[in-house]
Amino acid sequence: MDNLRSIITAKILSNIPPYTKSIDYLMQTLDISRESVYRRIRGDISFTLEEIAKLSIELGFSIDELIMKDIPSRIFLNVHTTNTQDPSDIFTIIFQRYLNDAYNIKNSKDIESIMVINQIPHEFIVYFSHLFKFSYYRWMHQNQESSLKYSYSDVTLPDDLVSLQHKAIDSLKKIRNNTIIIDSNVFLNLIQEIQYYYKRRLIDDDEFIHLKNDLLGLVNMIENIAQTGYYGSDTKYNFYLSSLNIDSGSRYLKFNDQAKSMFFVNSIEPVIVVNSNLCSMHKKWLDSMRKYATLITQSNEILQVKYFNKQRAHIEEIVRGPIITSI
């Protein structure tokens, strides 16, 4: 029992973000006194299961690796829940968790990130205010129990969500070494979503122009990254264009010698697995996807130009009928 206490305590302390005072962090997160924290760290008493579960979610370590390492067939999934039913609050909470992950990553060294995507991830959407608002609107339209006539103009981003968006921009610029394998229709999916609401007159003409300009800005930004390999001075990207359709998005992430696999059930909220065996299998699968994809970062200029020009053509066609999906 004492050995298990030591293992659990060591795991918790090793995952507390750098430059953060461990005692203060545990006091605030667990809502316990300073003396109670010291007693747990010294091993006088154990962290409760509830406390371990809460810290595993906040700090991103694996409970199964602590208590199930001798039973490799059992795997725990981290699936977040909330106490509120309000879709606006849920979106903000989800985005806050997204930002917390980005903050933890940006202070780490030797980061390895591999993604396959069929939707534009929020780490690019946050740079464009109208697209970010549209992401929030789409969420609200789908999850709010209201009329299907709920329009884009009815939406106002909560102040705390706008603040989180600005913080995300600052944090995401500092994440290094990203490999992203993109579905050939990754822009088209977003374009068609905007087209759907515009055709239903839930987005008016002025709002549509703003969204269209943001879409063009997004294509230009990612094309520039593909040409140079960087966003800013430190954030390195390698984009691969997949020859196969990507059914669902996922990400393998390793930092501070800790790996996690994220499987996206929607555009922002992932199911997280931190079991080392499954993460290793997931990374192997992601690496295999490169065999069916073409590197377009700082290479294959003809394919690169053709692809991004085609996305601009899709955007110009958005006011017409259904968009043809071929590249």
Protein backbone atom coordinates (compact mmCIF):
# COMPACT_ATOMS: atom_id res chain seq x y z
CA MET A 1 0.00 0.00 0.00
CA ASP A 2 2.82 2.41 0.87
CA ASN A 3 4.45 1.68 -2.49
CA LEU A 4 1.19 2.44 -4.32
CA ARG A 5 0.87 5.70 -2.39
CA SER A 6 4.39 6.64 -3.48
CA ILE A 7 3.67 5.80 -7.12
CA ILE A 8 0.46 7.83 -7.13
CA THR A 9 2.09 10.82 -5.41
CA ALA A 10 5.06 10.75 -7.78
CA LYS A 11 2.75 10.60 -10.80
CA ILE A 12 0.69 13.56 -9.58
CA LEU A 13 3.70 15.74 -8.77
CA SER A 14 5.45 14.94 -12.06
CA ASN A 15 2.44 16.11 -14.07
CA ILE A 16 1.85 19.45 -12.36
CA PRO A 17 2.75 22.14 -14.93
CA PRO A 18 6.25 23.64 -14.73
CA TYR A 19 6.67 26.87 -12.81
CA THR A 20 3.58 26.02 -10.77
CA LYS A 21 3.83 25.60 -7.01
CA SER A 22 2.69 22.04 -6.35
CA ILE A 23 1.25 22.68 -2.89
CA ASP A 24 -0.77 25.70 -4.00
CA TYR A 25 -1.99 23.86 -7.10
CA LEU A 26 -3.23 20.87 -5.09
CA MET A 27 -4.86 23.10 -2.46
CA GLN A 28 -6.81 24.98 -5.13
CA THR A 29 -7.69 22.01 -7.34
CA LEU A 30 -8.78 19.69 -4.54
CA ASP A 31 -10.14 22.44 -2.26
CA ILE A 32 -8.24 21.14 0.77
CA SER A 33 -5.98 22.79 3.33
CA ARG A 34 -2.20 23.14 3.08
CA GLU A 35 -1.71 20.63 5.91
CA SER A 36 -3.97 18.12 4.14
CA VAL A 37 -1.83 18.42 1.02
CA TYR A 38 1.38 17.87 3.02
CA ARG A 39 -0.11 14.78 4.70
CA ARG A 40 -0.89 13.27 1.31
CA ILE A 41 2.52 14.07 -0.14
CA ARG A 42 4.30 12.64 2.91
CA GLY A 43 2.22 9.48 2.60
CA ASP A 44 0.54 9.86 5.98
CA ILE A 45 -2.82 9.43 4.22
CA SER A 46 -3.81 8.46 0.69
CA PHE A 47 -5.30 10.59 -2.02
CA THR A 48 -8.95 9.57 -2.33
CA LEU A 49 -10.16 7.90 -5.51
CA GLU A 50 -12.24 10.99 -6.27
CA GLU A 51 -9.16 13.20 -5.85
CA ILE A 52 -7.05 10.95 -8.10
CA ALA A 53 -9.78 10.90 -10.74
CA LYS A 54 -10.07 14.70 -10.69
CA LEU A 55 -6.30 15.17 -10.93
CA SER A 56 -6.01 12.62 -13.74
CA ILE A 57 -8.47 14.68 -15.79
CA GLU A 58 -6.89 18.03 -14.91
CA LEU A 59 -3.30 16.86 -15.41
CA GLY A 60 -3.84 14.29 -18.15
CA PHE A 61 -2.24 11.22 -16.60
CA SER A 62 -3.60 7.68 -16.77
CA ILE A 63 -5.40 6.01 -13.87
CA ASP A 64 -5.23 2.66 -15.65
CA GLU A 65 -1.44 2.82 -15.80
CA LEU A 66 -1.39 3.37 -12.04
CA ILE A 67 -3.78 0.67 -10.89
CA MET A 68 -4.31 -1.60 -13.91
CA LYS A 69 -0.81 -2.00 -15.29
CA ASP A 70 -0.85 -5.74 -14.61
CA ILE A 71 -4.13 -6.17 -16.53
CA PRO A 72 -3.29 -4.83 -20.01
CA SER A 73 -6.66 -5.81 -21.48
CA ARG A 74 -8.43 -3.13 -19.40
CA ILE A 75 -8.33 0.43 -20.67
CA PHE A 76 -9.84 3.60 -19.20
CA LEU A 77 -11.24 6.35 -21.39
CA ASN A 78 -11.31 10.00 -20.33
CA VAL A 79 -14.73 11.30 -21.33
CA HIS A 80 -15.56 14.69 -19.85
CA THR A 81 -18.99 15.50 -18.50
CA THR A 82 -20.44 18.75 -17.18
CA ASN A 83 -22.95 19.65 -14.50
CA THR A 84 -24.77 22.13 -16.72
CA GLN A 85 -27.24 21.49 -19.52
CA ASP A 86 -26.86 24.93 -21.07
CA PRO A 87 -25.22 24.46 -24.52
CA SER A 88 -23.47 27.83 -24.34
CA ASP A 89 -21.88 26.98 -20.99
CA ILE A 90 -20.93 23.51 -22.27
CA PHE A 91 -19.18 24.97 -25.33
CA THR A 92 -17.24 27.40 -23.13
CA ILE A 93 -16.24 24.64 -20.69
CA ILE A 94 -15.11 22.41 -23.56
CA PHE A 95 -13.08 25.25 -25.08
CA GLN A 96 -11.53 25.99 -21.68
CA ARG A 97 -10.33 22.36 -21.49
CA TYR A 98 -9.00 22.69 -25.02
CA LEU A 99 -7.07 25.79 -23.95
CA ASN A 100 -5.75 24.07 -20.80
CA ASP A 101 -4.28 21.30 -22.95
CA ALA A 102 -2.66 23.87 -25.22
CA TYR A 103 -1.20 25.69 -22.21
CA ASN A 104 0.28 22.50 -20.78
CA ILE A 105 1.79 21.60 -24.13
CA LYS A 106 3.34 24.97 -24.88
CA ASN A 107 5.52 24.79 -21.72
CA SER A 108 6.84 21.34 -22.64
CA LYS A 109 9.87 20.23 -24.60
CA ASP A 110 10.24 17.55 -27.27
CA ILE A 111 6.59 17.74 -28.34
CA GLU A 112 5.39 15.25 -30.91
CA SER A 113 1.97 15.84 -32.49
CA ILE A 114 0.42 13.84 -35.35
CA MET A 115 -3.15 14.47 -36.52
CA VAL A 116 -5.51 13.17 -39.18
CA ILE A 117 -8.39 15.54 -39.83
CA ASN A 118 -11.55 15.77 -41.89
CA GLN A 119 -12.63 19.02 -40.18
CA ILE A 120 -10.62 22.22 -39.77
CA PRO A 121 -9.35 22.08 -36.16
CA HIS A 122 -9.99 24.92 -33.76
CA GLU A 123 -6.30 25.72 -33.56
CA PHE A 124 -6.82 27.41 -36.96
CA ILE A 125 -10.43 28.55 -36.54
CA VAL A 126 -9.58 30.70 -33.49
CA TYR A 127 -7.63 33.14 -35.68
CA PHE A 128 -10.80 34.16 -37.53
CA SER A 129 -13.50 35.83 -35.46
CA HIS A 130 -16.43 35.15 -37.83
CA LEU A 131 -15.51 31.48 -38.33
CA PHE A 132 -15.12 31.07 -34.57
CA LYS A 133 -18.56 32.62 -34.07
CA PHE A 134 -19.94 30.28 -36.74
CA SER A 135 -18.47 27.29 -34.90
CA TYR A 136 -20.26 28.45 -31.75
CA TYR A 137 -23.48 29.13 -33.70
CA ARG A 138 -23.46 25.68 -35.29
CA TRP A 139 -23.02 24.13 -31.84
CA MET A 140 -25.89 26.19 -30.43
CA HIS A 141 -28.14 25.45 -33.40
CA GLN A 142 -27.57 21.73 -33.00
CA ASN A 143 -27.76 21.48 -29.21
CA GLN A 144 -30.17 24.19 -28.18
CA GLU A 145 -33.82 23.26 -27.83
CA SER A 146 -35.17 26.08 -29.94
CA SER A 147 -36.69 26.76 -33.32
CA LEU A 148 -34.75 25.64 -36.39
CA LYS A 149 -35.16 29.24 -37.53
CA TYR A 150 -32.61 30.30 -34.91
CA SER A 151 -30.42 32.63 -36.99
CA TYR A 152 -26.75 33.55 -36.97
CA SER A 153 -27.62 37.16 -36.14
CA ASP A 154 -29.27 35.97 -32.90
CA VAL A 155 -25.87 34.85 -31.59
CA THR A 156 -23.57 36.89 -29.41
CA LEU A 157 -20.39 35.28 -28.15
CA PRO A 158 -20.16 35.34 -24.34
CA ASP A 159 -17.41 37.64 -23.07
CA ASP A 160 -15.60 34.82 -21.31
CA LEU A 161 -15.54 32.80 -24.54
CA VAL A 162 -14.07 35.75 -26.46
CA SER A 163 -11.40 36.06 -23.77
CA LEU A 164 -10.60 32.36 -24.09
CA GLN A 165 -10.32 32.73 -27.86
CA HIS A 166 -7.67 35.43 -27.47
CA LYS A 167 -5.76 33.35 -24.93
CA ALA A 168 -5.90 30.35 -27.27
CA ILE A 169 -4.32 32.36 -30.09
CA ASP A 170 -1.38 33.22 -27.84
CA SER A 171 -0.93 29.65 -26.57
CA LEU A 172 -1.36 27.83 -29.89
CA LYS A 173 1.34 29.92 -31.55
CA LYS A 174 3.86 28.32 -29.19
CA ILE A 175 3.11 24.64 -29.96
CA ARG A 176 5.94 23.24 -32.07
CA ASN A 177 6.40 20.29 -34.44
CA ASN A 178 2.95 19.50 -35.83
CA THR A 179 2.28 16.86 -38.48
CA ILE A 180 -1.22 17.02 -39.99
CA ILE A 181 -2.65 14.61 -42.57
CA ILE A 182 -5.63 16.33 -44.14
CA ASP A 183 -8.62 14.91 -45.97
CA SER A 184 -8.87 16.33 -49.49
CA ASN A 185 -12.30 17.78 -48.59
CA VAL A 186 -11.31 19.27 -45.23
CA PHE A 187 -12.09 22.85 -46.37
CA LEU A 188 -15.10 21.74 -48.35
CA ASN A 189 -16.79 20.32 -45.25
CA LEU A 190 -16.68 23.74 -43.57
CA ILE A 191 -17.71 25.55 -46.78
CA GLN A 192 -20.75 23.31 -47.22
CA GLU A 193 -21.83 23.87 -43.61
CA ILE A 194 -21.83 27.63 -44.17
CA GLN A 195 -23.60 27.14 -47.48
CA TYR A 196 -26.35 25.13 -45.75
CA TYR A 197 -27.20 27.88 -43.26
CA TYR A 198 -26.87 30.61 -45.91
CA LYS A 199 -29.21 28.83 -48.32
CA ARG A 200 -31.76 28.54 -45.49
CA ARG A 201 -31.45 32.32 -44.97
CA LEU A 202 -30.27 31.84 -41.41
CA ILE A 203 -27.16 33.80 -42.38
CA ASP A 204 -27.79 37.15 -44.09
CA ASP A 205 -25.79 38.58 -46.98
CA ASP A 206 -23.52 40.83 -44.90
CA GLU A 207 -22.72 38.03 -42.46
CA PHE A 208 -22.06 35.71 -45.36
CA ILE A 209 -19.51 38.13 -46.85
CA HIS A 210 -17.66 38.23 -43.51
CA LEU A 211 -17.61 34.41 -43.35
CA LYS A 212 -16.51 34.17 -46.98
CA ASN A 213 -13.61 36.56 -46.33
CA ASP A 214 -12.60 34.54 -43.27
CA LEU A 215 -12.68 31.35 -45.34
CA LEU A 216 -10.37 32.93 -47.91
CA GLY A 217 -8.12 34.14 -45.09
CA LEU A 218 -8.03 30.61 -43.64
CA VAL A 219 -7.04 29.10 -47.00
CA ASN A 220 -4.36 31.78 -47.46
CA MET A 221 -2.98 31.20 -43.98
CA ILE A 222 -2.70 27.42 -44.36
CA GLU A 223 -1.26 27.79 -47.87
CA ASN A 224 1.40 30.13 -46.49
CA ILE A 225 2.23 27.59 -43.77
CA ALA A 226 2.48 24.85 -46.42
CA GLN A 227 4.86 27.02 -48.45
CA THR A 228 7.14 27.99 -45.57
CA GLY A 229 6.65 25.13 -43.08
CA TYR A 230 6.11 27.59 -40.24
CA TYR A 231 3.45 29.70 -38.59
CA GLY A 232 5.32 32.47 -36.87
CA SER A 233 8.96 31.91 -36.06
CA ASP A 234 8.75 28.74 -33.96
CA THR A 235 5.63 26.75 -34.84
CA LYS A 236 6.61 24.06 -37.36
CA TYR A 237 4.00 22.28 -39.52
CA ASN A 238 4.16 19.42 -41.98
CA PHE A 239 0.98 19.05 -44.04
CA TYR A 240 0.19 15.84 -45.92
CA LEU A 241 -2.69 15.61 -48.39
CA SER A 242 -4.39 12.23 -48.01
CA SER A 243 -5.28 10.16 -51.06
CA LEU A 244 -7.86 8.30 -48.96
CA ASN A 245 -11.00 9.64 -47.31
CA ILE A 246 -10.55 10.23 -43.58
CA ASP A 247 -13.63 9.02 -41.73
CA SER A 248 -12.88 10.64 -38.37
CA GLY A 249 -10.26 12.87 -36.84
CA SER A 250 -7.73 11.78 -34.23
CA ARG A 251 -4.48 12.95 -32.72
CA TYR A 252 -1.44 11.39 -31.08
CA LEU A 253 0.35 13.72 -28.70
CA LYS A 254 3.50 13.16 -26.69
CA PHE A 255 5.10 15.68 -24.36
CA ASN A 256 7.09 15.43 -21.15
CA ASP A 257 7.51 11.68 -21.90
CA GLN A 258 3.72 11.25 -21.65
CA ALA A 259 1.59 10.06 -24.57
CA LYS A 260 -2.12 10.45 -25.16
CA SER A 261 -4.42 9.59 -28.04
CA MET A 262 -7.44 11.75 -28.82
CA PHE A 263 -10.38 10.60 -30.88
CA PHE A 264 -12.73 13.40 -31.90
CA VAL A 265 -16.46 12.77 -31.57
CA ASN A 266 -17.09 16.35 -32.69
CA SER A 267 -14.89 19.20 -33.90
CA ILE A 268 -13.54 20.13 -30.49
CA GLU A 269 -14.22 17.54 -27.75
CA PRO A 270 -12.13 14.34 -27.90
CA VAL A 271 -12.31 11.01 -26.16
CA ILE A 272 -8.86 10.65 -24.59
CA VAL A 273 -6.88 7.45 -24.06
CA VAL A 274 -3.60 7.46 -22.16
CA ASN A 275 -2.92 3.70 -22.07
CA SER A 276 0.63 3.36 -23.40
CA ASN A 277 -0.06 0.24 -25.47
CA LEU A 278 -3.08 1.71 -27.21
CA CYS A 279 -1.28 5.03 -27.79
CA SER A 280 1.61 3.16 -29.38
CA MET A 281 -0.81 1.29 -31.67
CA HIS A 282 -2.54 4.54 -32.56
CA LYS A 283 0.74 6.26 -33.44
CA LYS A 284 1.73 3.30 -35.63
CA TRP A 285 -1.57 3.61 -37.49
CA LEU A 286 -1.15 7.37 -37.94
CA ASP A 287 2.39 6.87 -39.24
CA SER A 288 1.05 4.32 -41.73
CA MET A 289 -1.36 6.95 -43.10
CA ARG A 290 1.61 8.84 -44.51
CA LYS A 291 2.04 6.04 -47.06
CA TYR A 292 -1.27 7.10 -48.58
CA ALA A 293 -0.62 10.83 -48.44
CA THR A 294 1.58 13.38 -50.20
CA LEU A 295 3.72 15.89 -48.34
CA ILE A 296 2.81 19.39 -49.54
CA THR A 297 4.81 21.41 -47.03
CA GLN A 298 7.78 22.98 -48.84
CA SER A 299 7.35 20.43 -51.63
CA ASN A 300 5.07 19.35 -54.48
CA GLU A 301 4.44 22.95 -55.46
CA ILE A 302 2.21 22.07 -58.42
CA LEU A 303 -0.11 19.91 -56.29
CA GLN A 304 -0.01 22.51 -53.53
CA VAL A 305 -1.06 25.36 -55.84
CA LYS A 306 -3.75 23.22 -57.51
CA TYR A 307 -5.22 22.19 -54.17
CA PHE A 308 -5.44 25.64 -52.60
CA ASN A 309 -6.73 27.27 -55.80
CA LYS A 310 -9.45 24.64 -55.88
CA GLN A 311 -10.48 25.57 -52.33
CA ARG A 312 -10.77 29.22 -53.38
CA ALA A 313 -12.94 28.15 -56.30
CA HIS A 314 -15.18 26.23 -53.87
CA ILE A 315 -15.56 29.38 -51.77
CA GLU A 316 -16.53 31.44 -54.82
CA GLU A 317 -19.13 28.79 -55.74
CA ILE A 318 -20.71 28.84 -52.29
CA VAL A 319 -23.66 31.04 -53.35
CA ARG A 320 -24.65 28.63 -56.12
CA GLY A 321 -25.96 25.10 -55.90
CA PRO A 322 -24.35 22.07 -54.18
CA ILE A 323 -20.57 22.17 -54.50
CA ILE A 324 -18.85 19.41 -56.47
CA THR A 325 -16.61 17.49 -54.09
CA SER A 326 -13.78 16.48 -56.41
CA ILE A 327 -10.45 18.27 -56.16
